[in-house]
N, C-alpha and C. Protein backbone atom coordinates (compact mmCIF):
# COMPACT_ATOMS: atom_id res chain seq x y z
N MET A 1 42.96 54.19 86.36
CA MET A 1 43.08 55.32 86.65
C MET A 1 42.43 56.33 85.83
N ILE A 2 42.13 57.47 86.42
CA ILE A 2 41.75 58.74 85.76
C ILE A 2 42.52 59.72 85.68
N LEU A 3 42.83 60.48 84.39
CA LEU A 3 43.47 61.10 83.95
C LEU A 3 42.99 62.47 83.26
N VAL A 4 43.12 63.81 84.19
CA VAL A 4 42.18 64.63 83.60
C VAL A 4 43.03 65.91 82.91
N ASP A 5 42.91 66.27 82.13
CA ASP A 5 43.45 67.55 81.38
C ASP A 5 42.82 68.84 81.79
N ALA A 6 43.39 68.93 83.18
CA ALA A 6 42.46 69.93 84.26
C ALA A 6 42.63 71.56 83.79
N ASP A 7 43.67 72.13 82.98
CA ASP A 7 43.59 73.39 82.40
C ASP A 7 42.31 73.70 82.23
N ALA A 8 41.53 74.66 82.96
CA ALA A 8 40.23 75.17 82.38
C ALA A 8 39.19 74.11 82.52
N CYS A 9 39.13 72.99 83.17
CA CYS A 9 38.40 72.18 83.21
C CYS A 9 37.09 72.45 84.00
N PRO A 10 35.85 72.49 83.75
CA PRO A 10 34.58 73.05 84.25
C PRO A 10 34.12 71.68 85.40
N VAL A 11 34.65 70.64 85.08
CA VAL A 11 34.01 69.57 85.87
C VAL A 11 34.86 68.85 86.52
N ILE A 12 36.03 69.22 87.38
CA ILE A 12 36.90 68.54 88.10
C ILE A 12 36.05 67.98 89.43
N ARG A 13 35.30 68.85 89.83
CA ARG A 13 34.58 68.40 91.07
C ARG A 13 33.81 67.08 91.04
N LEU A 14 33.01 67.03 89.72
CA LEU A 14 32.12 66.18 89.43
C LEU A 14 33.35 64.66 89.30
N ILE A 15 33.94 64.96 88.38
CA ILE A 15 35.39 63.70 88.35
C ILE A 15 35.40 63.18 89.31
N GLU A 16 35.97 64.01 90.52
CA GLU A 16 36.50 63.61 91.83
C GLU A 16 35.41 62.99 92.64
N GLN A 17 34.35 63.31 92.50
CA GLN A 17 33.32 62.78 93.31
C GLN A 17 32.97 61.56 93.08
N ILE A 18 32.80 61.32 91.27
CA ILE A 18 32.67 59.81 90.74
C ILE A 18 33.85 58.96 91.13
N ALA A 19 35.17 59.58 91.14
CA ALA A 19 36.13 58.69 90.97
C ALA A 19 36.33 58.23 92.75
N GLU A 20 36.06 59.18 93.48
CA GLU A 20 35.87 58.73 95.07
C GLU A 20 34.97 57.72 95.41
N LYS A 21 33.69 57.91 94.56
CA LYS A 21 32.58 56.97 94.88
C LYS A 21 33.16 55.41 94.73
N TYR A 22 33.89 55.28 93.37
CA TYR A 22 34.36 53.96 92.90
C TYR A 22 35.83 53.76 93.42
N SER A 23 36.30 54.22 94.38
CA SER A 23 37.86 54.36 94.50
C SER A 23 38.77 54.25 93.66
N VAL A 24 38.46 55.17 92.32
CA VAL A 24 39.50 55.17 91.48
C VAL A 24 40.35 56.22 91.63
N PRO A 25 41.83 56.10 91.50
CA PRO A 25 42.67 57.12 91.54
C PRO A 25 42.40 58.36 90.49
N CYS A 26 42.78 59.32 90.77
CA CYS A 26 42.51 60.34 89.65
C CYS A 26 44.05 61.19 89.64
N ILE A 27 44.53 61.80 88.42
CA ILE A 27 45.17 62.87 88.33
C ILE A 27 44.78 63.77 87.71
N LEU A 28 45.31 64.76 88.45
CA LEU A 28 44.81 66.00 87.60
C LEU A 28 46.16 66.76 87.13
N PHE A 29 46.31 67.02 85.56
CA PHE A 29 47.60 67.70 84.96
C PHE A 29 46.70 69.06 84.92
N CYS A 30 47.88 69.96 85.06
CA CYS A 30 47.78 71.39 84.69
C CYS A 30 49.30 72.16 84.52
N ASP A 31 48.88 73.14 83.91
CA ASP A 31 50.52 73.69 83.76
C ASP A 31 50.39 74.69 84.71
N THR A 32 51.66 75.48 84.82
CA THR A 32 52.08 76.40 85.52
C THR A 32 50.99 77.47 85.79
N ASN A 33 50.21 77.92 84.83
CA ASN A 33 49.33 79.18 84.89
C ASN A 33 48.16 78.81 85.57
N HIS A 34 47.74 77.31 85.84
CA HIS A 34 46.49 76.78 86.32
C HIS A 34 46.69 75.82 87.64
N VAL A 35 47.26 76.27 88.38
CA VAL A 35 47.93 75.56 89.39
C VAL A 35 46.72 75.20 90.43
N LEU A 36 46.36 73.88 90.52
CA LEU A 36 45.27 73.37 91.52
C LEU A 36 45.76 72.73 92.72
N SER A 37 44.80 72.57 93.51
CA SER A 37 44.98 71.58 94.51
C SER A 37 43.80 70.65 94.90
N SER A 38 43.83 69.72 95.51
CA SER A 38 43.00 68.65 95.54
C SER A 38 43.04 67.89 96.83
N ASP A 39 41.88 67.63 97.46
CA ASP A 39 41.61 66.67 98.54
C ASP A 39 42.07 65.26 98.16
N TYR A 40 41.73 64.64 97.16
CA TYR A 40 41.59 63.65 96.23
C TYR A 40 42.66 63.05 95.43
N SER A 41 42.46 63.78 94.54
CA SER A 41 43.39 63.57 93.13
C SER A 41 44.95 64.06 93.36
N GLU A 42 45.73 63.29 92.81
CA GLU A 42 47.14 63.67 92.65
C GLU A 42 47.22 64.82 91.45
N VAL A 43 48.00 66.01 91.95
CA VAL A 43 48.01 66.90 90.88
C VAL A 43 49.56 67.03 90.59
N LYS A 44 49.43 67.03 89.01
CA LYS A 44 50.98 67.26 88.34
C LYS A 44 50.87 68.29 87.90
N VAL A 45 51.66 69.35 88.06
CA VAL A 45 51.99 70.32 87.54
C VAL A 45 53.19 70.39 86.63
N ILE A 46 52.78 70.68 85.15
CA ILE A 46 53.75 70.46 84.15
C ILE A 46 54.11 71.88 83.69
N GLY A 47 55.62 71.88 83.12
CA GLY A 47 55.85 73.30 82.55
C GLY A 47 54.78 73.96 81.55
N ALA A 48 54.97 75.05 81.31
CA ALA A 48 54.12 75.90 80.57
C ALA A 48 54.22 75.91 78.90
N GLY A 49 54.93 74.84 78.46
CA GLY A 49 55.33 74.95 77.12
C GLY A 49 54.04 74.47 76.57
N MET A 50 54.05 74.66 75.19
CA MET A 50 52.93 74.63 74.13
C MET A 50 52.67 73.22 74.13
N ASP A 51 51.57 72.74 74.59
CA ASP A 51 51.04 71.21 74.46
C ASP A 51 51.93 70.26 75.45
N ALA A 52 52.62 71.09 76.47
CA ALA A 52 53.55 70.28 77.62
C ALA A 52 52.25 69.55 78.41
N VAL A 53 51.43 69.81 78.99
CA VAL A 53 50.42 69.11 79.45
C VAL A 53 49.73 68.14 78.97
N ASP A 54 49.59 68.31 77.50
CA ASP A 54 48.99 67.39 76.68
C ASP A 54 49.77 66.07 76.46
N PHE A 55 50.99 66.22 76.37
CA PHE A 55 52.11 65.30 76.26
C PHE A 55 52.23 64.71 77.20
N ALA A 56 52.24 65.29 78.60
CA ALA A 56 52.69 64.53 79.90
C ALA A 56 51.44 63.52 79.82
N LEU A 57 49.99 64.09 79.61
CA LEU A 57 49.16 63.48 80.25
C LEU A 57 49.08 62.00 79.21
N VAL A 58 49.41 62.14 77.88
CA VAL A 58 49.36 60.91 76.90
C VAL A 58 50.49 59.94 77.22
N GLY A 59 51.45 60.76 78.13
CA GLY A 59 52.73 59.74 78.14
C GLY A 59 52.27 59.01 79.31
N ALA A 60 51.36 59.52 80.07
CA ALA A 60 51.12 58.53 81.71
C ALA A 60 50.09 57.68 81.47
N CYS A 61 49.38 57.92 80.08
CA CYS A 61 47.88 57.13 80.09
C CYS A 61 48.37 55.76 79.63
N SER A 62 47.62 54.51 80.04
CA SER A 62 47.87 53.34 79.62
C SER A 62 46.63 52.56 79.34
N ARG A 63 46.67 51.31 78.92
CA ARG A 63 45.34 50.79 78.31
C ARG A 63 44.23 50.81 79.41
N GLY A 64 42.89 50.88 79.02
CA GLY A 64 41.80 51.15 80.18
C GLY A 64 41.85 52.12 80.85
N ASP A 65 42.75 53.03 81.01
CA ASP A 65 42.68 54.38 81.61
C ASP A 65 41.54 55.36 80.97
N ILE A 66 40.95 56.38 81.76
CA ILE A 66 39.93 57.14 81.29
C ILE A 66 40.53 58.63 81.30
N VAL A 67 40.48 59.27 80.18
CA VAL A 67 41.06 60.41 79.91
C VAL A 67 39.94 61.56 79.76
N VAL A 68 39.85 62.60 80.58
CA VAL A 68 39.16 63.66 80.42
C VAL A 68 39.37 64.78 79.70
N SER A 69 39.49 65.33 78.60
CA SER A 69 39.86 66.30 77.66
C SER A 69 39.13 66.76 76.80
N GLN A 70 39.36 67.94 76.38
CA GLN A 70 38.35 68.66 75.44
C GLN A 70 39.45 68.87 74.21
N ASP A 71 40.53 68.21 74.07
CA ASP A 71 41.09 68.38 73.00
C ASP A 71 41.35 67.14 71.84
N TYR A 72 40.56 67.11 70.73
CA TYR A 72 40.59 65.97 70.05
C TYR A 72 41.81 65.36 69.69
N GLY A 73 42.80 66.08 69.65
CA GLY A 73 44.16 65.63 69.27
C GLY A 73 44.69 64.80 70.53
N VAL A 74 44.44 65.31 71.59
CA VAL A 74 44.89 64.22 73.17
C VAL A 74 43.76 62.92 73.01
N ALA A 75 42.50 63.17 72.42
CA ALA A 75 41.76 61.88 72.62
C ALA A 75 42.25 60.88 71.59
N ALA A 76 42.42 61.48 70.14
CA ALA A 76 43.07 60.67 69.22
C ALA A 76 44.14 59.76 69.73
N MET A 77 45.28 60.36 70.27
CA MET A 77 46.26 59.86 71.00
C MET A 77 45.74 58.79 72.12
N VAL A 78 45.09 58.97 72.84
CA VAL A 78 44.99 58.17 74.24
C VAL A 78 43.96 56.94 73.60
N LEU A 79 43.05 57.29 72.57
CA LEU A 79 42.33 56.06 72.00
C LEU A 79 43.37 55.23 71.22
N GLY A 80 44.30 55.57 70.70
CA GLY A 80 45.23 54.64 69.95
C GLY A 80 46.09 54.03 71.32
N LYS A 81 46.03 54.34 72.39
CA LYS A 81 46.73 53.87 73.29
C LYS A 81 45.84 52.52 74.33
N GLY A 82 44.66 52.42 73.71
CA GLY A 82 43.35 51.60 74.02
C GLY A 82 42.64 52.31 75.66
N ALA A 83 42.99 53.56 75.82
CA ALA A 83 42.39 54.13 76.78
C ALA A 83 40.72 54.72 76.43
N TYR A 84 40.02 54.79 77.30
CA TYR A 84 38.86 55.65 76.85
C TYR A 84 38.80 57.37 77.32
N CYS A 85 38.58 57.78 76.47
CA CYS A 85 38.42 59.29 76.41
C CYS A 85 36.90 60.04 76.35
N ILE A 86 36.56 61.13 77.32
CA ILE A 86 35.42 61.76 77.24
C ILE A 86 35.50 63.15 77.28
N HIS A 87 35.03 63.83 76.72
CA HIS A 87 34.95 65.26 76.74
C HIS A 87 34.09 65.78 77.89
N GLN A 88 34.41 66.89 78.30
CA GLN A 88 33.76 67.72 79.71
C GLN A 88 32.11 67.99 79.28
N ASN A 89 31.76 67.96 78.04
CA ASN A 89 30.34 67.81 77.63
C ASN A 89 29.77 66.81 77.81
N GLY A 90 30.33 65.69 78.18
CA GLY A 90 29.92 64.09 78.28
C GLY A 90 30.16 63.33 77.12
N ARG A 91 30.58 63.99 75.84
CA ARG A 91 30.64 62.96 74.66
C ARG A 91 31.63 62.16 74.72
N GLU A 92 31.82 60.92 74.51
CA GLU A 92 32.47 59.93 74.41
C GLU A 92 33.59 60.21 73.25
N TYR A 93 34.66 59.91 73.22
CA TYR A 93 35.30 59.87 71.84
C TYR A 93 35.48 58.37 71.81
N THR A 94 35.39 57.98 70.46
CA THR A 94 35.46 56.57 70.11
C THR A 94 36.48 56.36 68.62
N ASN A 95 36.82 55.37 68.89
CA ASN A 95 37.62 54.87 67.24
C ASN A 95 36.60 55.40 66.17
N GLU A 96 35.36 55.32 66.30
CA GLU A 96 34.33 55.53 65.34
C GLU A 96 33.92 56.94 65.05
N ASN A 97 34.28 57.87 65.78
CA ASN A 97 33.98 59.37 65.68
C ASN A 97 35.18 60.11 65.88
N ILE A 98 36.32 59.70 66.16
CA ILE A 98 37.23 60.55 66.41
C ILE A 98 37.54 61.35 64.95
N ASP A 99 37.70 60.26 63.87
CA ASP A 99 38.48 61.10 62.23
C ASP A 99 37.17 61.96 62.23
N ARG A 100 35.90 62.14 62.26
CA ARG A 100 34.96 62.84 61.98
C ARG A 100 35.17 64.28 62.52
N LEU A 101 35.36 64.21 63.92
CA LEU A 101 35.87 65.13 64.86
C LEU A 101 37.06 65.87 64.46
N LEU A 102 38.04 65.15 64.26
CA LEU A 102 39.32 65.77 63.86
C LEU A 102 39.17 66.57 62.55
N MET A 103 38.54 66.11 61.49
CA MET A 103 38.03 66.76 60.27
C MET A 103 37.19 67.87 60.41
N GLU A 104 36.08 67.98 61.64
CA GLU A 104 35.56 69.25 61.81
C GLU A 104 36.40 70.14 62.34
N ARG A 105 37.08 69.62 63.16
CA ARG A 105 38.01 70.74 63.95
C ARG A 105 38.96 71.46 62.90
N HIS A 106 39.30 70.53 61.81
CA HIS A 106 40.24 71.10 60.72
C HIS A 106 39.33 72.10 59.95
N MET A 107 38.28 71.87 59.62
CA MET A 107 37.52 72.68 58.83
C MET A 107 36.96 73.92 59.39
N ALA A 108 36.74 73.84 60.74
CA ALA A 108 36.45 74.98 61.58
C ALA A 108 37.78 76.17 61.53
N LYS A 109 38.79 75.38 61.73
CA LYS A 109 40.02 76.60 61.81
C LYS A 109 40.29 77.12 60.38
N LYS A 110 39.88 76.23 59.10
CA LYS A 110 40.12 76.79 58.21
C LYS A 110 39.28 78.15 58.19
N ALA A 111 38.08 77.81 58.42
CA ALA A 111 36.81 78.66 58.19
C ALA A 111 37.33 80.05 59.07
N ARG A 112 37.73 79.86 60.16
CA ARG A 112 38.24 81.09 61.29
C ARG A 112 39.13 81.76 60.50
N ARG A 113 40.16 81.13 59.93
CA ARG A 113 41.42 82.00 59.01
C ARG A 113 40.78 82.62 58.10
N ALA A 114 40.07 81.87 57.17
CA ALA A 114 39.18 82.80 55.94
C ALA A 114 38.57 84.05 56.49
N LYS A 115 37.92 83.70 57.73
CA LYS A 115 36.99 85.01 58.41
C LYS A 115 37.64 85.63 59.32
N SER A 116 38.97 86.04 59.19
CA SER A 116 39.64 86.68 60.08
C SER A 116 39.28 88.09 60.90
N LYS A 117 38.23 88.75 60.01
CA LYS A 117 37.92 90.06 60.62
C LYS A 117 36.59 89.83 61.47
N HIS A 118 35.88 88.36 61.34
CA HIS A 118 34.90 88.12 62.16
C HIS A 118 35.02 87.08 62.95
N HIS A 119 34.47 87.31 64.27
CA HIS A 119 34.74 86.36 65.55
C HIS A 119 33.39 85.47 65.44
N LEU A 120 34.07 83.94 65.34
CA LEU A 120 32.91 83.15 65.85
C LEU A 120 32.51 83.06 67.35
N LYS A 121 31.26 82.92 67.60
CA LYS A 121 30.60 82.71 69.01
C LYS A 121 31.39 81.58 69.74
N GLY A 122 31.80 81.77 70.99
CA GLY A 122 32.34 80.72 71.64
C GLY A 122 31.38 79.72 72.24
N PRO A 123 31.57 79.01 73.16
CA PRO A 123 30.71 77.96 73.64
C PRO A 123 29.90 78.64 74.51
N ALA A 124 28.53 78.17 74.64
CA ALA A 124 27.58 78.50 75.29
C ALA A 124 27.72 78.51 76.96
N ARG A 125 27.37 79.32 77.68
CA ARG A 125 27.44 79.14 79.13
C ARG A 125 27.10 77.86 79.71
N ARG A 126 27.93 77.25 80.78
CA ARG A 126 27.78 75.86 81.34
C ARG A 126 26.38 75.86 82.11
N THR A 127 25.59 75.04 82.01
CA THR A 127 24.45 74.84 82.58
C THR A 127 24.66 73.52 83.67
N GLU A 128 23.64 73.59 84.76
CA GLU A 128 23.23 72.33 85.49
C GLU A 128 23.31 71.46 84.72
N GLU A 129 22.23 71.27 83.60
CA GLU A 129 22.09 70.21 82.68
C GLU A 129 23.16 69.85 81.99
N ASP A 130 24.33 70.54 81.69
CA ASP A 130 25.48 70.06 81.05
C ASP A 130 26.08 69.26 82.27
N ASP A 131 26.29 69.73 83.16
CA ASP A 131 27.04 68.92 84.51
C ASP A 131 25.94 67.62 84.75
N ARG A 132 24.98 67.87 84.48
CA ARG A 132 24.18 66.34 84.70
C ARG A 132 24.69 65.48 83.72
N LYS A 133 24.50 65.94 82.25
CA LYS A 133 24.93 64.93 81.35
C LYS A 133 26.11 64.63 81.43
N PHE A 134 27.36 65.14 81.39
CA PHE A 134 28.51 64.97 81.97
C PHE A 134 28.80 63.48 83.02
N ALA A 135 28.08 64.12 84.37
CA ALA A 135 28.32 63.11 85.25
C ALA A 135 27.29 61.78 84.93
N GLU A 136 26.58 61.75 84.17
CA GLU A 136 25.76 60.32 84.09
C GLU A 136 26.76 59.62 82.72
N ALA A 137 27.35 60.48 81.92
CA ALA A 137 28.22 59.64 80.82
C ALA A 137 29.71 59.34 81.39
N PHE A 138 30.22 60.30 82.39
CA PHE A 138 31.40 59.92 83.03
C PHE A 138 31.24 58.61 83.82
N GLU A 139 30.15 58.66 84.53
CA GLU A 139 29.88 57.32 85.37
C GLU A 139 29.67 56.14 84.53
N ARG A 140 28.94 56.10 83.53
CA ARG A 140 28.74 55.10 82.73
C ARG A 140 30.43 54.42 82.33
N ILE A 141 31.13 55.52 81.96
CA ILE A 141 32.47 54.97 81.36
C ILE A 141 33.20 54.42 82.51
N VAL A 142 33.15 55.02 83.76
CA VAL A 142 34.36 54.41 84.90
C VAL A 142 33.57 53.04 84.92
N ARG A 143 32.41 52.67 85.09
CA ARG A 143 31.36 51.41 85.63
C ARG A 143 32.13 50.53 84.30
N LYS A 144 32.25 50.82 83.17
CA LYS A 144 32.50 49.99 81.92
C LYS A 144 34.27 49.94 81.97
N SER A 145 34.68 50.85 82.14
CA SER A 145 36.24 50.71 81.97
C SER A 145 36.58 49.65 83.28
N PHE A 146 36.05 49.83 84.91
CA PHE A 146 36.54 49.23 85.92
C PHE A 146 35.54 47.93 86.05
N GLN A 147 34.70 47.63 85.07
CA GLN A 147 33.77 46.41 85.24
C GLN A 147 33.09 46.59 86.62
N LEU A 148 32.74 47.96 87.05
CA LEU A 148 31.94 48.14 88.33
C LEU A 148 30.40 47.73 88.29
């Protein structure tokens, strides 16, 4: 099963294309502020509480599933359940890199608090190359996870 933290996820179309190619079921999790529709995936709309979508996704996740999320906390929890996890930029979260990523997130949050007057730049605009990298990495994980 593929589970997607679909709130503001820019690669849903790519995920669904690859899921359909390999006949893998897919669930899109979103809150009431980001209601989605899909011809392929099941859509689960979760209440708009803080982290409600994250906890619903983690609760639905099982060993061997693939999760797409940009949230390092979600990634850590699903890795703990024996699932695969990938960021929308194509970076696979692993047991080897998750601690470092969580620490970097913590340090960045501390830096933002210390420089409250100055705004750090957000992510760069998404490109076709970003989509290509994600699709290649995601398809690799699908093939590995489902032994295709």
